[in-house]
Amino acid sequence: MSAAETTAPAGTTSPTPGHVDNSVVIDAPMSLVWDMTNDVENWPDLFTEYAAAEILSREDGKITFRLSMHPDENGKVWSWVSERTPDPATRTVVARRTEPGPFEFMDIRWTYEQRPEGVLMRWVQDFRMRPQAPVDTPTMTDRMNANTLVQMDVIRGKVEAAARAAAPAEQGSNA
């Protein structure tokens, strides 16, 4: 299904023009990948783009939180509220911005799949920019595609480093 054929969320009138689908293989145990990438409080250490993550609530398996980015080139700090519902049994996370800022809506689905070479972590993001947003949806799609690849590479490096650091400790405890 192309982005133009994707169904928009209830309350919107046109198809979803913004669609980003990226993935990375992380050479680390599934439990470590899952735990590190779902530890929202530590996202400012895991992602390079976030300056702060504040948990607002945890209820019925859903986490509501505020993310704040580092200031942009004009000194503006972008911040928004999101909610995410991780499902450890299916290794999926459904998330959305509840305070979407320049986005009309933003929905994200994270999936994790064990592969022989590691864990395939995939992010699928569907969104639409508001007409008054500083950029249009095609421009944001390009920006998000580029930045998602950067962030995924950073995350891969940090999780793989944590796996390497844990390996000698685990080997020592088995000796």
N, C-alpha and C. Protein backbone atom coordinates (compact mmCIF):
# COMPACT_ATOMS: atom_id res chain seq x y z
N MET A 1 0.85 -1.17 0.00
CA MET A 1 0.00 0.00 0.00
C MET A 1 0.90 1.23 0.00
N SER A 2 0.69 2.13 -0.92
CA SER A 2 1.50 3.34 -0.98
C SER A 2 1.00 4.34 0.05
N ALA A 3 1.82 5.36 0.32
CA ALA A 3 1.42 6.37 1.30
C ALA A 3 0.12 7.04 0.89
N ALA A 4 -0.08 7.22 -0.42
CA ALA A 4 -1.29 7.88 -0.89
C ALA A 4 -2.53 7.02 -0.65
N GLU A 5 -2.35 5.69 -0.48
CA GLU A 5 -3.48 4.81 -0.27
C GLU A 5 -3.74 4.52 1.20
N THR A 6 -2.85 4.98 2.06
CA THR A 6 -3.00 4.71 3.49
C THR A 6 -4.21 5.45 4.03
N THR A 7 -4.95 4.81 4.90
CA THR A 7 -6.13 5.43 5.48
C THR A 7 -5.73 6.39 6.59
N ALA A 8 -6.32 7.56 6.59
CA ALA A 8 -6.04 8.57 7.62
C ALA A 8 -6.81 8.23 8.88
N PRO A 9 -6.32 8.68 10.03
CA PRO A 9 -7.03 8.45 11.29
C PRO A 9 -8.41 9.11 11.29
N ALA A 10 -9.27 8.62 12.17
CA ALA A 10 -10.61 9.19 12.29
C ALA A 10 -10.53 10.68 12.56
N GLY A 11 -11.41 11.44 11.95
CA GLY A 11 -11.43 12.88 12.16
C GLY A 11 -10.62 13.65 11.13
N THR A 12 -9.91 12.95 10.25
CA THR A 12 -9.18 13.64 9.19
C THR A 12 -9.86 13.28 7.87
N THR A 13 -9.60 14.06 6.86
CA THR A 13 -10.36 13.90 5.63
C THR A 13 -9.57 13.44 4.43
N SER A 14 -8.25 13.47 4.48
CA SER A 14 -7.48 13.06 3.31
C SER A 14 -6.52 11.94 3.65
N PRO A 15 -6.03 11.24 2.63
CA PRO A 15 -5.09 10.15 2.88
C PRO A 15 -3.83 10.64 3.59
N THR A 16 -3.14 9.74 4.23
CA THR A 16 -1.92 10.05 4.95
C THR A 16 -0.78 10.22 3.96
N PRO A 17 -0.27 11.43 3.78
CA PRO A 17 0.82 11.59 2.82
C PRO A 17 2.20 11.32 3.40
N GLY A 18 2.36 11.38 4.71
CA GLY A 18 3.67 11.16 5.30
C GLY A 18 3.82 9.74 5.79
N HIS A 19 4.79 9.02 5.24
CA HIS A 19 5.01 7.63 5.63
C HIS A 19 6.51 7.36 5.61
N VAL A 20 7.03 6.89 6.76
CA VAL A 20 8.45 6.59 6.88
C VAL A 20 8.56 5.18 7.42
N ASP A 21 9.39 4.35 6.78
CA ASP A 21 9.55 2.95 7.18
C ASP A 21 11.03 2.62 7.12
N ASN A 22 11.66 2.50 8.30
CA ASN A 22 13.10 2.22 8.36
C ASN A 22 13.38 1.13 9.38
N SER A 23 14.50 0.44 9.19
CA SER A 23 14.86 -0.62 10.12
C SER A 23 16.38 -0.73 10.22
N VAL A 24 16.82 -1.42 11.28
CA VAL A 24 18.23 -1.65 11.53
C VAL A 24 18.37 -3.00 12.23
N VAL A 25 19.44 -3.72 11.94
CA VAL A 25 19.72 -4.96 12.65
C VAL A 25 20.73 -4.64 13.75
N ILE A 26 20.40 -5.05 14.97
CA ILE A 26 21.24 -4.80 16.13
C ILE A 26 21.77 -6.14 16.62
N ASP A 27 23.08 -6.27 16.66
CA ASP A 27 23.73 -7.51 17.08
C ASP A 27 23.82 -7.54 18.60
N ALA A 28 22.70 -7.90 19.21
CA ALA A 28 22.59 -7.94 20.68
C ALA A 28 21.39 -8.82 21.02
N PRO A 29 21.35 -9.32 22.25
CA PRO A 29 20.19 -10.13 22.66
C PRO A 29 18.89 -9.34 22.59
N MET A 30 17.82 -10.03 22.22
CA MET A 30 16.50 -9.38 22.13
C MET A 30 16.15 -8.66 23.42
N SER A 31 16.39 -9.30 24.56
CA SER A 31 15.99 -8.68 25.83
C SER A 31 16.70 -7.34 26.05
N LEU A 32 17.96 -7.26 25.66
CA LEU A 32 18.71 -6.01 25.83
C LEU A 32 18.19 -4.94 24.86
N VAL A 33 17.97 -5.32 23.61
CA VAL A 33 17.44 -4.37 22.62
C VAL A 33 16.10 -3.84 23.09
N TRP A 34 15.22 -4.75 23.50
CA TRP A 34 13.88 -4.37 23.97
C TRP A 34 13.97 -3.44 25.18
N ASP A 35 14.76 -3.85 26.18
CA ASP A 35 14.83 -3.06 27.41
C ASP A 35 15.40 -1.67 27.18
N MET A 36 16.50 -1.59 26.44
CA MET A 36 17.13 -0.28 26.23
C MET A 36 16.27 0.65 25.38
N THR A 37 15.62 0.13 24.35
CA THR A 37 14.85 1.00 23.46
C THR A 37 13.47 1.33 24.00
N ASN A 38 13.05 0.65 25.06
CA ASN A 38 11.76 0.97 25.69
C ASN A 38 11.92 1.65 27.04
N ASP A 39 13.14 2.01 27.39
CA ASP A 39 13.42 2.74 28.63
C ASP A 39 13.35 4.23 28.32
N VAL A 40 12.12 4.75 28.24
CA VAL A 40 11.88 6.13 27.80
C VAL A 40 12.65 7.14 28.64
N GLU A 41 12.75 6.91 29.96
CA GLU A 41 13.46 7.86 30.82
C GLU A 41 14.89 8.07 30.36
N ASN A 42 15.50 7.06 29.75
CA ASN A 42 16.89 7.17 29.30
C ASN A 42 17.05 7.49 27.82
N TRP A 43 15.96 7.86 27.15
CA TRP A 43 16.07 8.20 25.74
C TRP A 43 17.04 9.36 25.47
N PRO A 44 17.15 10.35 26.36
CA PRO A 44 18.14 11.40 26.06
C PRO A 44 19.58 10.85 25.97
N ASP A 45 19.86 9.72 26.60
CA ASP A 45 21.18 9.09 26.48
C ASP A 45 21.25 8.15 25.29
N LEU A 46 20.11 7.66 24.82
CA LEU A 46 20.08 6.71 23.72
C LEU A 46 19.98 7.41 22.36
N PHE A 47 19.18 8.46 22.27
CA PHE A 47 19.00 9.25 21.05
C PHE A 47 19.84 10.51 21.16
N THR A 48 20.33 11.01 20.05
CA THR A 48 21.09 12.27 20.08
C THR A 48 20.17 13.49 19.99
N GLU A 49 18.94 13.31 19.57
CA GLU A 49 18.05 14.45 19.33
C GLU A 49 17.25 14.90 20.55
N TYR A 50 17.14 14.05 21.58
CA TYR A 50 16.32 14.39 22.74
C TYR A 50 17.15 14.95 23.88
N ALA A 51 16.71 16.09 24.40
CA ALA A 51 17.37 16.70 25.56
C ALA A 51 16.74 16.22 26.86
N ALA A 52 15.44 15.89 26.82
CA ALA A 52 14.75 15.48 28.04
C ALA A 52 13.59 14.56 27.72
N ALA A 53 13.32 13.65 28.66
CA ALA A 53 12.16 12.77 28.60
C ALA A 53 11.56 12.73 29.99
N GLU A 54 10.30 13.12 30.09
CA GLU A 54 9.61 13.17 31.38
C GLU A 54 8.40 12.23 31.34
N ILE A 55 8.38 11.26 32.22
CA ILE A 55 7.24 10.34 32.30
C ILE A 55 6.10 11.07 33.01
N LEU A 56 4.95 11.14 32.37
CA LEU A 56 3.78 11.80 32.94
C LEU A 56 2.86 10.81 33.64
N SER A 57 2.75 9.60 33.07
CA SER A 57 1.93 8.57 33.72
C SER A 57 2.26 7.20 33.14
N ARG A 58 1.93 6.20 33.93
CA ARG A 58 1.98 4.79 33.52
C ARG A 58 0.65 4.20 33.96
N GLU A 59 -0.11 3.72 32.98
CA GLU A 59 -1.45 3.22 33.29
C GLU A 59 -1.85 2.15 32.30
N ASP A 60 -2.25 0.99 32.81
CA ASP A 60 -2.72 -0.12 31.97
C ASP A 60 -1.75 -0.46 30.85
N GLY A 61 -0.46 -0.47 31.16
CA GLY A 61 0.55 -0.82 30.16
C GLY A 61 0.92 0.30 29.21
N LYS A 62 0.29 1.45 29.35
CA LYS A 62 0.55 2.60 28.48
C LYS A 62 1.41 3.61 29.23
N ILE A 63 2.42 4.13 28.56
CA ILE A 63 3.30 5.15 29.12
C ILE A 63 3.00 6.47 28.41
N THR A 64 2.72 7.51 29.16
CA THR A 64 2.52 8.85 28.61
C THR A 64 3.70 9.69 29.06
N PHE A 65 4.32 10.40 28.11
CA PHE A 65 5.55 11.11 28.41
C PHE A 65 5.71 12.34 27.54
N ARG A 66 6.55 13.26 28.02
CA ARG A 66 6.89 14.46 27.25
C ARG A 66 8.34 14.34 26.80
N LEU A 67 8.57 14.57 25.52
CA LEU A 67 9.91 14.62 24.96
C LEU A 67 10.23 16.06 24.58
N SER A 68 11.45 16.46 24.83
CA SER A 68 11.93 17.78 24.41
C SER A 68 13.22 17.57 23.63
N MET A 69 13.32 18.26 22.50
CA MET A 69 14.51 18.15 21.67
C MET A 69 15.54 19.18 22.10
N HIS A 70 16.75 19.00 21.61
CA HIS A 70 17.76 20.04 21.77
C HIS A 70 17.32 21.23 20.93
N PRO A 71 17.73 22.45 21.26
CA PRO A 71 17.32 23.61 20.45
C PRO A 71 17.71 23.45 18.99
N ASP A 72 16.83 23.92 18.11
CA ASP A 72 17.14 23.88 16.67
C ASP A 72 18.04 25.06 16.30
N GLU A 73 18.29 25.22 15.01
CA GLU A 73 19.22 26.27 14.55
C GLU A 73 18.74 27.68 14.89
N ASN A 74 17.44 27.83 15.20
CA ASN A 74 16.89 29.13 15.59
C ASN A 74 16.72 29.26 17.10
N GLY A 75 17.18 28.25 17.85
CA GLY A 75 17.07 28.28 19.30
C GLY A 75 15.76 27.76 19.84
N LYS A 76 14.85 27.31 18.96
CA LYS A 76 13.55 26.80 19.42
C LYS A 76 13.70 25.37 19.93
N VAL A 77 13.07 25.12 21.07
CA VAL A 77 13.04 23.77 21.64
C VAL A 77 11.66 23.19 21.33
N TRP A 78 11.63 22.14 20.53
CA TRP A 78 10.38 21.47 20.20
C TRP A 78 10.09 20.44 21.29
N SER A 79 8.84 20.40 21.73
CA SER A 79 8.44 19.50 22.79
C SER A 79 7.02 19.02 22.50
N TRP A 80 6.72 17.78 22.90
CA TRP A 80 5.40 17.22 22.68
C TRP A 80 5.15 16.09 23.66
N VAL A 81 3.87 15.71 23.76
CA VAL A 81 3.47 14.59 24.60
C VAL A 81 3.09 13.43 23.69
N SER A 82 3.59 12.25 24.06
CA SER A 82 3.28 11.02 23.33
C SER A 82 2.84 9.96 24.31
N GLU A 83 2.21 8.94 23.75
CA GLU A 83 1.90 7.76 24.54
C GLU A 83 2.36 6.55 23.74
N ARG A 84 2.83 5.54 24.47
CA ARG A 84 3.27 4.31 23.81
C ARG A 84 2.82 3.13 24.64
N THR A 85 2.44 2.08 23.93
CA THR A 85 1.99 0.86 24.58
C THR A 85 2.86 -0.29 24.08
N PRO A 86 3.85 -0.68 24.90
CA PRO A 86 4.69 -1.81 24.51
C PRO A 86 3.99 -3.14 24.80
N ASP A 87 4.19 -4.10 23.90
CA ASP A 87 3.65 -5.45 24.11
C ASP A 87 4.82 -6.42 24.04
N PRO A 88 5.39 -6.78 25.20
CA PRO A 88 6.55 -7.67 25.20
C PRO A 88 6.28 -9.04 24.58
N ALA A 89 5.04 -9.52 24.65
CA ALA A 89 4.71 -10.84 24.10
C ALA A 89 4.86 -10.87 22.58
N THR A 90 4.47 -9.79 21.91
CA THR A 90 4.55 -9.73 20.44
C THR A 90 5.75 -8.93 19.96
N ARG A 91 6.49 -8.34 20.91
CA ARG A 91 7.64 -7.48 20.60
C ARG A 91 7.23 -6.37 19.63
N THR A 92 6.14 -5.70 19.99
CA THR A 92 5.67 -4.54 19.22
C THR A 92 5.36 -3.39 20.18
N VAL A 93 5.42 -2.18 19.64
CA VAL A 93 5.03 -0.99 20.40
C VAL A 93 4.17 -0.13 19.48
N VAL A 94 3.04 0.30 19.98
CA VAL A 94 2.18 1.23 19.25
C VAL A 94 2.28 2.56 19.98
N ALA A 95 2.59 3.62 19.23
CA ALA A 95 2.77 4.93 19.85
C ALA A 95 2.11 6.00 18.99
N ARG A 96 1.78 7.10 19.66
CA ARG A 96 1.22 8.25 18.94
C ARG A 96 1.48 9.50 19.74
N ARG A 97 1.56 10.60 19.03
CA ARG A 97 1.66 11.90 19.70
C ARG A 97 0.26 12.32 20.10
N THR A 98 0.08 12.65 21.38
CA THR A 98 -1.22 13.13 21.86
C THR A 98 -1.26 14.65 21.87
N GLU A 99 -0.10 15.25 21.82
CA GLU A 99 0.07 16.70 21.72
C GLU A 99 0.99 16.88 20.52
N PRO A 100 0.44 16.84 19.31
CA PRO A 100 1.27 16.65 18.12
C PRO A 100 2.05 17.86 17.61
N GLY A 101 1.85 19.03 18.17
CA GLY A 101 2.62 20.20 17.73
C GLY A 101 2.37 20.50 16.26
N PRO A 102 3.44 20.57 15.43
CA PRO A 102 3.27 20.93 14.03
C PRO A 102 2.64 19.82 13.18
N PHE A 103 2.47 18.64 13.77
CA PHE A 103 1.84 17.52 13.06
C PHE A 103 0.34 17.53 13.30
N GLU A 104 -0.42 17.23 12.26
CA GLU A 104 -1.85 17.02 12.45
C GLU A 104 -2.04 15.74 13.27
N PHE A 105 -1.23 14.73 12.94
CA PHE A 105 -1.16 13.49 13.71
C PHE A 105 0.18 12.83 13.44
N MET A 106 0.58 11.97 14.37
CA MET A 106 1.83 11.20 14.23
C MET A 106 1.60 9.87 14.92
N ASP A 107 1.63 8.79 14.15
CA ASP A 107 1.49 7.43 14.68
C ASP A 107 2.75 6.66 14.35
N ILE A 108 3.24 5.89 15.31
CA ILE A 108 4.47 5.13 15.12
C ILE A 108 4.27 3.71 15.61
N ARG A 109 4.75 2.78 14.84
CA ARG A 109 4.74 1.37 15.23
C ARG A 109 6.17 0.85 15.22
N TRP A 110 6.61 0.33 16.35
CA TRP A 110 7.93 -0.27 16.48
C TRP A 110 7.73 -1.78 16.47
N THR A 111 8.55 -2.51 15.71
CA THR A 111 8.52 -3.97 15.76
C THR A 111 9.94 -4.47 15.93
N TYR A 112 10.04 -5.61 16.59
CA TYR A 112 11.32 -6.25 16.87
C TYR A 112 11.21 -7.70 16.41
N GLU A 113 12.17 -8.14 15.61
CA GLU A 113 12.15 -9.50 15.08
C GLU A 113 13.53 -10.13 15.23
N GLN A 114 13.57 -11.30 15.84
CA GLN A 114 14.85 -12.00 15.99
C GLN A 114 15.28 -12.55 14.63
N ARG A 115 16.49 -12.26 14.25
CA ARG A 115 17.09 -12.77 13.02
C ARG A 115 18.39 -13.47 13.39
N PRO A 116 18.93 -14.30 12.51
CA PRO A 116 20.21 -14.96 12.83
C PRO A 116 21.34 -13.97 13.14
N GLU A 117 21.33 -12.83 12.47
CA GLU A 117 22.39 -11.85 12.65
C GLU A 117 22.11 -10.84 13.76
N GLY A 118 20.96 -10.93 14.39
CA GLY A 118 20.62 -10.01 15.48
C GLY A 118 19.13 -9.70 15.48
N VAL A 119 18.79 -8.57 16.09
CA VAL A 119 17.39 -8.14 16.20
C VAL A 119 17.11 -7.07 15.16
N LEU A 120 16.11 -7.33 14.33
CA LEU A 120 15.66 -6.32 13.36
C LEU A 120 14.67 -5.42 14.09
N MET A 121 15.04 -4.15 14.25
CA MET A 121 14.16 -3.16 14.87
C MET A 121 13.65 -2.27 13.74
N ARG A 122 12.32 -2.15 13.65
CA ARG A 122 11.69 -1.40 12.55
C ARG A 122 10.76 -0.35 13.13
N TRP A 123 10.83 0.85 12.53
CA TRP A 123 9.91 1.93 12.90
C TRP A 123 9.11 2.31 11.66
N VAL A 124 7.80 2.28 11.77
CA VAL A 124 6.91 2.75 10.71
C VAL A 124 6.15 3.95 11.26
N GLN A 125 6.30 5.08 10.59
CA GLN A 125 5.70 6.33 11.06
C GLN A 125 4.76 6.89 9.99
N ASP A 126 3.55 7.18 10.40
CA ASP A 126 2.56 7.80 9.52
C ASP A 126 2.14 9.12 10.14
N PHE A 127 2.09 10.16 9.32
CA PHE A 127 1.85 11.50 9.86
C PHE A 127 1.37 12.44 8.76
N ARG A 128 0.93 13.59 9.18
CA ARG A 128 0.63 14.69 8.26
C ARG A 128 0.95 15.99 8.98
N MET A 129 1.60 16.90 8.30
CA MET A 129 1.94 18.20 8.86
C MET A 129 0.71 19.11 8.79
N ARG A 130 0.60 19.99 9.77
CA ARG A 130 -0.46 21.01 9.76
C ARG A 130 -0.14 22.03 8.66
N PRO A 131 -1.15 22.66 8.09
CA PRO A 131 -0.89 23.66 7.05
C PRO A 131 0.01 24.81 7.54
N GLN A 132 -0.07 25.18 8.82
CA GLN A 132 0.73 26.28 9.35
C GLN A 132 2.10 25.83 9.86
N ALA A 133 2.44 24.55 9.71
CA ALA A 133 3.73 24.04 10.18
C ALA A 133 4.87 24.69 9.39
N PRO A 134 6.06 24.75 9.97
CA PRO A 134 7.18 25.39 9.29
C PRO A 134 7.65 24.66 8.03
N VAL A 135 7.30 23.37 7.89
CA VAL A 135 7.63 22.62 6.67
C VAL A 135 6.41 21.81 6.25
N ASP A 136 6.37 21.43 4.97
CA ASP A 136 5.25 20.63 4.48
C ASP A 136 5.55 19.14 4.68
N THR A 137 4.58 18.31 4.41
CA THR A 137 4.71 16.87 4.65
C THR A 137 5.81 16.22 3.82
N PRO A 138 5.95 16.51 2.53
CA PRO A 138 7.05 15.88 1.78
C PRO A 138 8.44 16.26 2.33
N THR A 139 8.60 17.51 2.74
CA THR A 139 9.88 17.94 3.32
C THR A 139 10.13 17.21 4.63
N MET A 140 9.10 17.10 5.48
CA MET A 140 9.27 16.39 6.75
C MET A 140 9.53 14.91 6.52
N THR A 141 8.92 14.33 5.51
CA THR A 141 9.18 12.92 5.20
C THR A 141 10.65 12.72 4.88
N ASP A 142 11.21 13.60 4.07
CA ASP A 142 12.65 13.51 3.75
C ASP A 142 13.51 13.69 4.99
N ARG A 143 13.17 14.67 5.82
CA ARG A 143 13.94 14.91 7.05
C ARG A 143 13.86 13.71 7.99
N MET A 144 12.65 13.17 8.14
CA MET A 144 12.49 12.04 9.06
C MET A 144 13.20 10.80 8.54
N ASN A 145 13.14 10.56 7.25
CA ASN A 145 13.86 9.42 6.70
C ASN A 145 15.36 9.55 6.97
N ALA A 146 15.91 10.71 6.75
CA ALA A 146 17.35 10.92 6.98
C ALA A 146 17.69 10.80 8.46
N ASN A 147 16.92 11.45 9.32
CA ASN A 147 17.23 11.45 10.75
C ASN A 147 16.97 10.09 11.39
N THR A 148 15.95 9.37 10.94
CA THR A 148 15.68 8.06 11.50
C THR A 148 16.87 7.13 11.28
N LEU A 149 17.47 7.19 10.11
CA LEU A 149 18.64 6.35 9.84
C LEU A 149 19.81 6.72 10.75
N VAL A 150 19.99 8.02 10.99
CA VAL A 150 21.05 8.47 11.91
C VAL A 150 20.78 7.95 13.31
N GLN A 151 19.54 8.15 13.81
CA GLN A 151 19.21 7.74 15.17
C GLN A 151 19.30 6.22 15.33
N MET A 152 18.84 5.48 14.33
CA MET A 152 18.93 4.02 14.41
C MET A 152 20.38 3.55 14.47
N ASP A 153 21.25 4.21 13.73
CA ASP A 153 22.66 3.84 13.76
C ASP A 153 23.28 4.14 15.13
N VAL A 154 22.93 5.29 15.70
CA VAL A 154 23.41 5.64 17.04
C VAL A 154 22.91 4.61 18.06
N ILE A 155 21.64 4.28 17.99
CA ILE A 155 21.06 3.31 18.92
C ILE A 155 21.74 1.95 18.75
N ARG A 156 21.92 1.52 17.50
CA ARG A 156 22.59 0.25 17.24
C ARG A 156 23.96 0.23 17.92
N GLY A 157 24.72 1.30 17.74
CA GLY A 157 26.04 1.37 18.35
C GLY A 157 26.00 1.29 19.87
N LYS A 158 25.07 2.00 20.48
CA LYS A 158 25.00 2.02 21.95
C LYS A 158 24.52 0.68 22.50
N VAL A 159 23.55 0.06 21.85
CA VAL A 159 23.05 -1.23 22.34
C VAL A 159 24.11 -2.31 22.13
N GLU A 160 24.77 -2.31 20.98
CA GLU A 160 25.82 -3.29 20.74
C GLU A 160 26.98 -3.11 21.72
N ALA A 161 27.33 -1.87 22.06
CA ALA A 161 28.38 -1.62 23.05
C ALA A 161 27.97 -2.17 24.42
N ALA A 162 26.71 -1.98 24.79
CA ALA A 162 26.22 -2.50 26.06
C ALA A 162 26.26 -4.03 26.06
N ALA A 163 25.94 -4.65 24.93
CA ALA A 163 25.99 -6.12 24.83
C ALA A 163 27.42 -6.61 24.97
N ARG A 164 28.37 -5.93 24.34
CA ARG A 164 29.79 -6.32 24.46
C ARG A 164 30.27 -6.15 25.89
N ALA A 165 29.86 -5.08 26.55
CA ALA A 165 30.27 -4.83 27.93
C ALA A 165 29.69 -5.88 28.88
N ALA A 166 28.48 -6.35 28.60
CA ALA A 166 27.85 -7.35 29.45
C ALA A 166 28.41 -8.74 29.21
N ALA A 167 28.91 -9.01 28.02
CA ALA A 167 29.39 -10.36 27.67
C ALA A 167 30.52 -10.85 28.58
N PRO A 168 31.58 -10.07 28.85
CA PRO A 168 32.64 -10.57 29.75
C PRO A 168 32.12 -10.84 31.15
N ALA A 169 31.21 -10.01 31.64
CA ALA A 169 30.64 -10.20 32.98
C ALA A 169 29.85 -11.50 33.03
N GLU A 170 29.08 -11.78 31.97
CA GLU A 170 28.31 -13.02 31.93
C GLU A 170 29.23 -14.22 31.83
N GLN A 171 30.29 -14.12 31.02
CA GLN A 171 31.24 -15.23 30.89
C GLN A 171 31.93 -15.49 32.22
N GLY A 172 32.29 -14.44 32.94
CA GLY A 172 32.97 -14.58 34.23
C GLY A 172 32.08 -15.25 35.25
N SER A 173 30.78 -14.99 35.20
CA SER A 173 29.89 -15.59 36.19
C SER A 173 29.61 -17.05 35.88
N ASN A 174 29.91 -17.49 34.65
CA ASN A 174 29.69 -18.88 34.27
C ASN A 174 30.94 -19.72 34.43
N ALA A 175 32.05 -19.10 34.80
CA ALA A 175 33.32 -19.84 34.89
C ALA A 175 33.42 -20.62 36.18
